[in-house]
Amino acid sequence: MQVKRNVIFNKAGGNASKNAMTYKINIPADMIKGLGATEEDRSVILDYDNGIITIKKSPEQ
């Protein structure tokens, strides 16, 4: 499944520098369920290679 999403840009708060930003992308629930992520086991691995971000479920620990 492929979906188009916008990146959400926010200024970081707290003790962050004045130019610090945070970035978020909303992922559809079906994709999260397909990864096998749950509220109790939500760890994932992010990989960035040549402009491609891959998200994989982290192996059980």
PDB file of N, CA and C in Angstrom:
ATOM      1  N   MET A   1       0.850  -1.174   0.000  1.00  0.00           N
ATOM      2  CA  MET A   1       0.000   0.000   0.000  1.00  0.00           C
ATOM      3  C   MET A   1       0.894   1.235   0.000  1.00  0.00           C
ATOM      4  N   GLN A   2       0.535   2.215  -0.792  1.00  0.00           N
ATOM      5  CA  GLN A   2       1.283   3.462  -0.840  1.00  0.00           C
ATOM      6  C   GLN A   2       0.313   4.614  -0.605  1.00  0.00           C
ATOM      7  N   VAL A   3       0.686   5.517   0.296  1.00  0.00           N
ATOM      8  CA  VAL A   3      -0.131   6.696   0.572  1.00  0.00           C
ATOM      9  C   VAL A   3       0.762   7.932   0.588  1.00  0.00           C
ATOM     10  N   LYS A   4       0.189   9.067   0.237  1.00  0.00           N
ATOM     11  CA  LYS A   4       0.922  10.331   0.270  1.00  0.00           C
ATOM     12  C   LYS A   4       0.587  11.039   1.574  1.00  0.00           C
ATOM     13  N   ARG A   5       1.589  11.524   2.268  1.00  0.00           N
ATOM     14  CA  ARG A   5       1.415  12.228   3.533  1.00  0.00           C
ATOM     15  C   ARG A   5       2.240  13.508   3.523  1.00  0.00           C
ATOM     16  N   ASN A   6       1.834  14.477   4.320  1.00  0.00           N
ATOM     17  CA  ASN A   6       2.605  15.698   4.531  1.00  0.00           C
ATOM     18  C   ASN A   6       3.416  15.565   5.811  1.00  0.00           C
ATOM     19  N   VAL A   7       4.590  16.178   5.811  1.00  0.00           N
ATOM     20  CA  VAL A   7       5.417  16.224   7.017  1.00  0.00           C
ATOM     21  C   VAL A   7       4.907  17.372   7.875  1.00  0.00           C
ATOM     22  N   ILE A   8       4.764  17.117   9.173  1.00  0.00           N
ATOM     23  CA  ILE A   8       4.322  18.138  10.122  1.00  0.00           C
ATOM     24  C   ILE A   8       5.574  18.751  10.758  1.00  0.00           C
ATOM     25  N   PHE A   9       5.719  20.064  10.660  1.00  0.00           N
ATOM     26  CA  PHE A   9       6.865  20.784  11.211  1.00  0.00           C
ATOM     27  C   PHE A   9       6.408  21.560  12.438  1.00  0.00           C
ATOM     28  N   ASN A  10       7.125  21.385  13.556  1.00  0.00           N
ATOM     29  CA  ASN A  10       6.820  22.116  14.790  1.00  0.00           C
ATOM     30  C   ASN A  10       8.105  22.638  15.404  1.00  0.00           C
ATOM     31  N   LYS A  11       8.006  23.806  16.015  1.00  0.00           N
ATOM     32  CA  LYS A  11       9.151  24.309  16.773  1.00  0.00           C
ATOM     33  C   LYS A  11       9.250  23.523  18.068  1.00  0.00           C
ATOM     34  N   ALA A  12      10.468  23.095  18.395  1.00  0.00           N
ATOM     35  CA  ALA A  12      10.690  22.352  19.631  1.00  0.00           C
ATOM     36  C   ALA A  12      10.591  23.307  20.813  1.00  0.00           C
ATOM     37  N   GLY A  13      10.109  22.807  21.931  1.00  0.00           N
ATOM     38  CA  GLY A  13       9.963  23.645  23.117  1.00  0.00           C
ATOM     39  C   GLY A  13      10.968  23.266  24.183  1.00  0.00           C
ATOM     40  N   GLY A  14      10.702  23.693  25.383  1.00  0.00           N
ATOM     41  CA  GLY A  14      11.560  23.340  26.509  1.00  0.00           C
ATOM     42  C   GLY A  14      12.918  23.995  26.413  1.00  0.00           C
ATOM     43  N   ASN A  15      13.961  23.201  26.640  1.00  0.00           N
ATOM     44  CA  ASN A  15      15.333  23.710  26.653  1.00  0.00           C
ATOM     45  C   ASN A  15      16.012  23.617  25.290  1.00  0.00           C
ATOM     46  N   ALA A  16      15.265  23.317  24.240  1.00  0.00           N
ATOM     47  CA  ALA A  16      15.844  23.208  22.902  1.00  0.00           C
ATOM     48  C   ALA A  16      16.298  24.584  22.417  1.00  0.00           C
ATOM     49  N   SER A  17      17.228  24.588  21.469  1.00  0.00           N
ATOM     50  CA  SER A  17      17.688  25.867  20.922  1.00  0.00           C
ATOM     51  C   SER A  17      16.544  26.567  20.192  1.00  0.00           C
ATOM     52  N   LYS A  18      16.687  27.851  19.962  1.00  0.00           N
ATOM     53  CA  LYS A  18      15.580  28.616  19.386  1.00  0.00           C
ATOM     54  C   LYS A  18      15.257  28.203  17.949  1.00  0.00           C
ATOM     55  N   ASN A  19      16.185  27.557  17.256  1.00  0.00           N
ATOM     56  CA  ASN A  19      15.950  27.123  15.878  1.00  0.00           C
ATOM     57  C   ASN A  19      15.605  25.638  15.772  1.00  0.00           C
ATOM     58  N   ALA A  20      15.482  24.946  16.904  1.00  0.00           N
ATOM     59  CA  ALA A  20      15.219  23.504  16.886  1.00  0.00           C
ATOM     60  C   ALA A  20      13.808  23.216  16.370  1.00  0.00           C
ATOM     61  N   MET A  21      13.688  22.144  15.605  1.00  0.00           N
ATOM     62  CA  MET A  21      12.402  21.741  15.032  1.00  0.00           C
ATOM     63  C   MET A  21      12.171  20.256  15.319  1.00  0.00           C
ATOM     64  N   THR A  22      10.900  19.863  15.350  1.00  0.00           N
ATOM     65  CA  THR A  22      10.533  18.451  15.396  1.00  0.00           C
ATOM     66  C   THR A  22       9.712  18.161  14.146  1.00  0.00           C
ATOM     67  N   TYR A  23       9.761  16.909  13.702  1.00  0.00           N
ATOM     68  CA  TYR A  23       9.097  16.519  12.463  1.00  0.00           C
ATOM     69  C   TYR A  23       8.290  15.254  12.709  1.00  0.00           C
ATOM     70  N   LYS A  24       7.081  15.195  12.152  1.00  0.00           N
ATOM     71  CA  LYS A  24       6.213  14.034  12.340  1.00  0.00           C
ATOM     72  C   LYS A  24       5.523  13.703  11.024  1.00  0.00           C
ATOM     73  N   ILE A  25       5.207  12.425  10.851  1.00  0.00           N
ATOM     74  CA  ILE A  25       4.402  11.962   9.727  1.00  0.00           C
ATOM     75  C   ILE A  25       3.368  11.007  10.294  1.00  0.00           C
ATOM     76  N   ASN A  26       2.097  11.234   9.998  1.00  0.00           N
ATOM     77  CA  ASN A  26       1.044  10.327  10.444  1.00  0.00           C
ATOM     78  C   ASN A  26       1.045   9.088   9.562  1.00  0.00           C
ATOM     79  N   ILE A  27       1.002   7.917  10.191  1.00  0.00           N
ATOM     80  CA  ILE A  27       1.005   6.639   9.481  1.00  0.00           C
ATOM     81  C   ILE A  27      -0.358   5.994   9.672  1.00  0.00           C
ATOM     82  N   PRO A  28      -0.986   5.511   8.590  1.00  0.00           N
ATOM     83  CA  PRO A  28      -2.302   4.891   8.713  1.00  0.00           C
ATOM     84  C   PRO A  28      -2.303   3.702   9.677  1.00  0.00           C
ATOM     85  N   ALA A  29      -3.415   3.538  10.394  1.00  0.00           N
ATOM     86  CA  ALA A  29      -3.547   2.465  11.385  1.00  0.00           C
ATOM     87  C   ALA A  29      -3.316   1.094  10.764  1.00  0.00           C
ATOM     88  N   ASP A  30      -3.796   0.870   9.542  1.00  0.00           N
ATOM     89  CA  ASP A  30      -3.600  -0.431   8.893  1.00  0.00           C
ATOM     90  C   ASP A  30      -2.118  -0.759   8.722  1.00  0.00           C
ATOM     91  N   MET A  31      -1.300   0.249   8.441  1.00  0.00           N
ATOM     92  CA  MET A  31       0.138   0.023   8.289  1.00  0.00           C
ATOM     93  C   MET A  31       0.778  -0.325   9.630  1.00  0.00           C
ATOM     94  N   ILE A  32       0.381   0.371  10.685  1.00  0.00           N
ATOM     95  CA  ILE A  32       0.925   0.093  12.019  1.00  0.00           C
ATOM     96  C   ILE A  32       0.531  -1.310  12.463  1.00  0.00           C
ATOM     97  N   LYS A  33      -0.730  -1.674  12.246  1.00  0.00           N
ATOM     98  CA  LYS A  33      -1.188  -3.026  12.592  1.00  0.00           C
ATOM     99  C   LYS A  33      -0.437  -4.066  11.782  1.00  0.00           C
ATOM    100  N   GLY A  34      -0.170  -3.774  10.509  1.00  0.00           N
ATOM    101  CA  GLY A  34       0.578  -4.688   9.653  1.00  0.00           C
ATOM    102  C   GLY A  34       2.005  -4.909  10.129  1.00  0.00           C
ATOM    103  N   LEU A  35       2.589  -3.896  10.766  1.00  0.00           N
ATOM    104  CA  LEU A  35       3.931  -4.039  11.346  1.00  0.00           C
ATOM    105  C   LEU A  35       3.916  -4.950  12.569  1.00  0.00           C
ATOM    106  N   GLY A  36       2.766  -5.041  13.206  1.00  0.00           N
ATOM    107  CA  GLY A  36       2.674  -5.809  14.445  1.00  0.00           C
ATOM    108  C   GLY A  36       2.965  -4.967  15.671  1.00  0.00           C
ATOM    109  N   ALA A  37       2.981  -3.649  15.522  1.00  0.00           N
ATOM    110  CA  ALA A  37       3.228  -2.769  16.665  1.00  0.00           C
ATOM    111  C   ALA A  37       1.964  -2.666  17.513  1.00  0.00           C
ATOM    112  N   THR A  38       2.149  -2.670  18.826  1.00  0.00           N
ATOM    113  CA  THR A  38       1.045  -2.522  19.771  1.00  0.00           C
ATOM    114  C   THR A  38       1.423  -1.459  20.793  1.00  0.00           C
ATOM    115  N   GLU A  39       0.480  -1.073  21.641  1.00  0.00           N
ATOM    116  CA  GLU A  39       0.791  -0.093  22.691  1.00  0.00           C
ATOM    117  C   GLU A  39       1.843  -0.632  23.648  1.00  0.00           C
ATOM    118  N   GLU A  40       1.855  -1.939  23.870  1.00  0.00           N
ATOM    119  CA  GLU A  40       2.820  -2.547  24.787  1.00  0.00           C
ATOM    120  C   GLU A  40       4.164  -2.812  24.105  1.00  0.00           C
ATOM    121  N   ASP A  41       4.155  -3.085  22.802  1.00  0.00           N
ATOM    122  CA  ASP A  41       5.371  -3.422  22.051  1.00  0.00           C
ATOM    123  C   ASP A  41       5.431  -2.516  20.826  1.00  0.00           C
ATOM    124  N   ARG A  42       5.915  -1.297  21.022  1.00  0.00           N
ATOM    125  CA  ARG A  42       5.848  -0.284  19.970  1.00  0.00           C
ATOM    126  C   ARG A  42       7.194   0.064  19.352  1.00  0.00           C
ATOM    127  N   SER A  43       8.216  -0.697  19.653  1.00  0.00           N
ATOM    128  CA  SER A  43       9.558  -0.416  19.158  1.00  0.00           C
ATOM    129  C   SER A  43       9.687  -0.768  17.669  1.00  0.00           C
ATOM    130  N   VAL A  44      10.216   0.183  16.892  1.00  0.00           N
ATOM    131  CA  VAL A  44      10.449  -0.035  15.467  1.00  0.00           C
ATOM    132  C   VAL A  44      11.869   0.389  15.112  1.00  0.00           C
ATOM    133  N   ILE A  45      12.325  -0.054  13.955  1.00  0.00           N
ATOM    134  CA  ILE A  45      13.641   0.309  13.432  1.00  0.00           C
ATOM    135  C   ILE A  45      13.423   1.216  12.222  1.00  0.00           C
ATOM    136  N   LEU A  46      14.061   2.390  12.213  1.00  0.00           N
ATOM    137  CA  LEU A  46      14.028   3.288  11.062  1.00  0.00           C
ATOM    138  C   LEU A  46      15.353   3.180  10.333  1.00  0.00           C
ATOM    139  N   ASP A  47      15.293   3.077   9.001  1.00  0.00           N
ATOM    140  CA  ASP A  47      16.497   2.997   8.186  1.00  0.00           C
ATOM    141  C   ASP A  47      16.388   4.048   7.086  1.00  0.00           C
ATOM    142  N   TYR A  48      17.439   4.827   6.896  1.00  0.00           N
ATOM    143  CA  TYR A  48      17.461   5.841   5.844  1.00  0.00           C
ATOM    144  C   TYR A  48      18.590   5.508   4.885  1.00  0.00           C
ATOM    145  N   ASP A  49      18.269   5.392   3.590  1.00  0.00           N
ATOM    146  CA  ASP A  49      19.277   5.062   2.584  1.00  0.00           C
ATOM    147  C   ASP A  49      18.905   5.730   1.263  1.00  0.00           C
ATOM    148  N   ASN A  50      19.739   6.635   0.801  1.00  0.00           N
ATOM    149  CA  ASN A  50      19.532   7.309  -0.488  1.00  0.00           C
ATOM    150  C   ASN A  50      18.141   7.911  -0.648  1.00  0.00           C
ATOM    151  N   GLY A  51      17.646   8.610   0.355  1.00  0.00           N
ATOM    152  CA  GLY A  51      16.358   9.278   0.267  1.00  0.00           C
ATOM    153  C   GLY A  51      15.160   8.395   0.524  1.00  0.00           C
ATOM    154  N   ILE A  52      15.383   7.146   0.940  1.00  0.00           N
ATOM    155  CA  ILE A  52      14.287   6.219   1.230  1.00  0.00           C
ATOM    156  C   ILE A  52      14.306   5.873   2.714  1.00  0.00           C
ATOM    157  N   ILE A  53      13.176   6.094   3.394  1.00  0.00           N
ATOM    158  CA  ILE A  53      13.034   5.737   4.805  1.00  0.00           C
ATOM    159  C   ILE A  53      12.241   4.443   4.879  1.00  0.00           C
ATOM    160  N   THR A  54      12.801   3.454   5.577  1.00  0.00           N
ATOM    161  CA  THR A  54      12.139   2.168   5.762  1.00  0.00           C
ATOM    162  C   THR A  54      11.838   1.995   7.242  1.00  0.00           C
ATOM    163  N   ILE A  55      10.625   1.543   7.566  1.00  0.00           N
ATOM    164  CA  ILE A  55      10.229   1.283   8.949  1.00  0.00           C
ATOM    165  C   ILE A  55       9.975  -0.207   9.086  1.00  0.00           C
ATOM    166  N   LYS A  56      10.654  -0.841  10.053  1.00  0.00           N
ATOM    167  CA  LYS A  56      10.480  -2.266  10.321  1.00  0.00           C
ATOM    168  C   LYS A  56      10.197  -2.462  11.797  1.00  0.00           C
ATOM    169  N   LYS A  57       9.467  -3.498  12.114  1.00  0.00           N
ATOM    170  CA  LYS A  57       9.216  -3.857  13.514  1.00  0.00           C
ATOM    171  C   LYS A  57      10.523  -4.318  14.129  1.00  0.00           C
ATOM    172  N   SER A  58      10.827  -3.819  15.308  1.00  0.00           N
ATOM    173  CA  SER A  58      12.020  -4.236  16.032  1.00  0.00           C
ATOM    174  C   SER A  58      11.850  -5.676  16.500  1.00  0.00           C
ATOM    175  N   PRO A  59      12.904  -6.491  16.393  1.00  0.00           N
ATOM    176  CA  PRO A  59      12.795  -7.876  16.874  1.00  0.00           C
ATOM    177  C   PRO A  59      12.476  -7.924  18.368  1.00  0.00           C
ATOM    178  N   GLU A  60      11.798  -8.981  18.772  1.00  0.00           N
ATOM    179  CA  GLU A  60      11.477  -9.172  20.198  1.00  0.00           C
ATOM    180  C   GLU A  60      12.767  -9.174  21.004  1.00  0.00           C
ATOM    181  N   GLN A  61      12.726  -8.605  22.202  1.00  0.00           N
ATOM    182  CA  GLN A  61      13.930  -8.552  23.050  1.00  0.00           C
ATOM    183  C   GLN A  61      13.805  -9.475  24.218  1.00  0.00           C
TER     184      GLN A  61
END
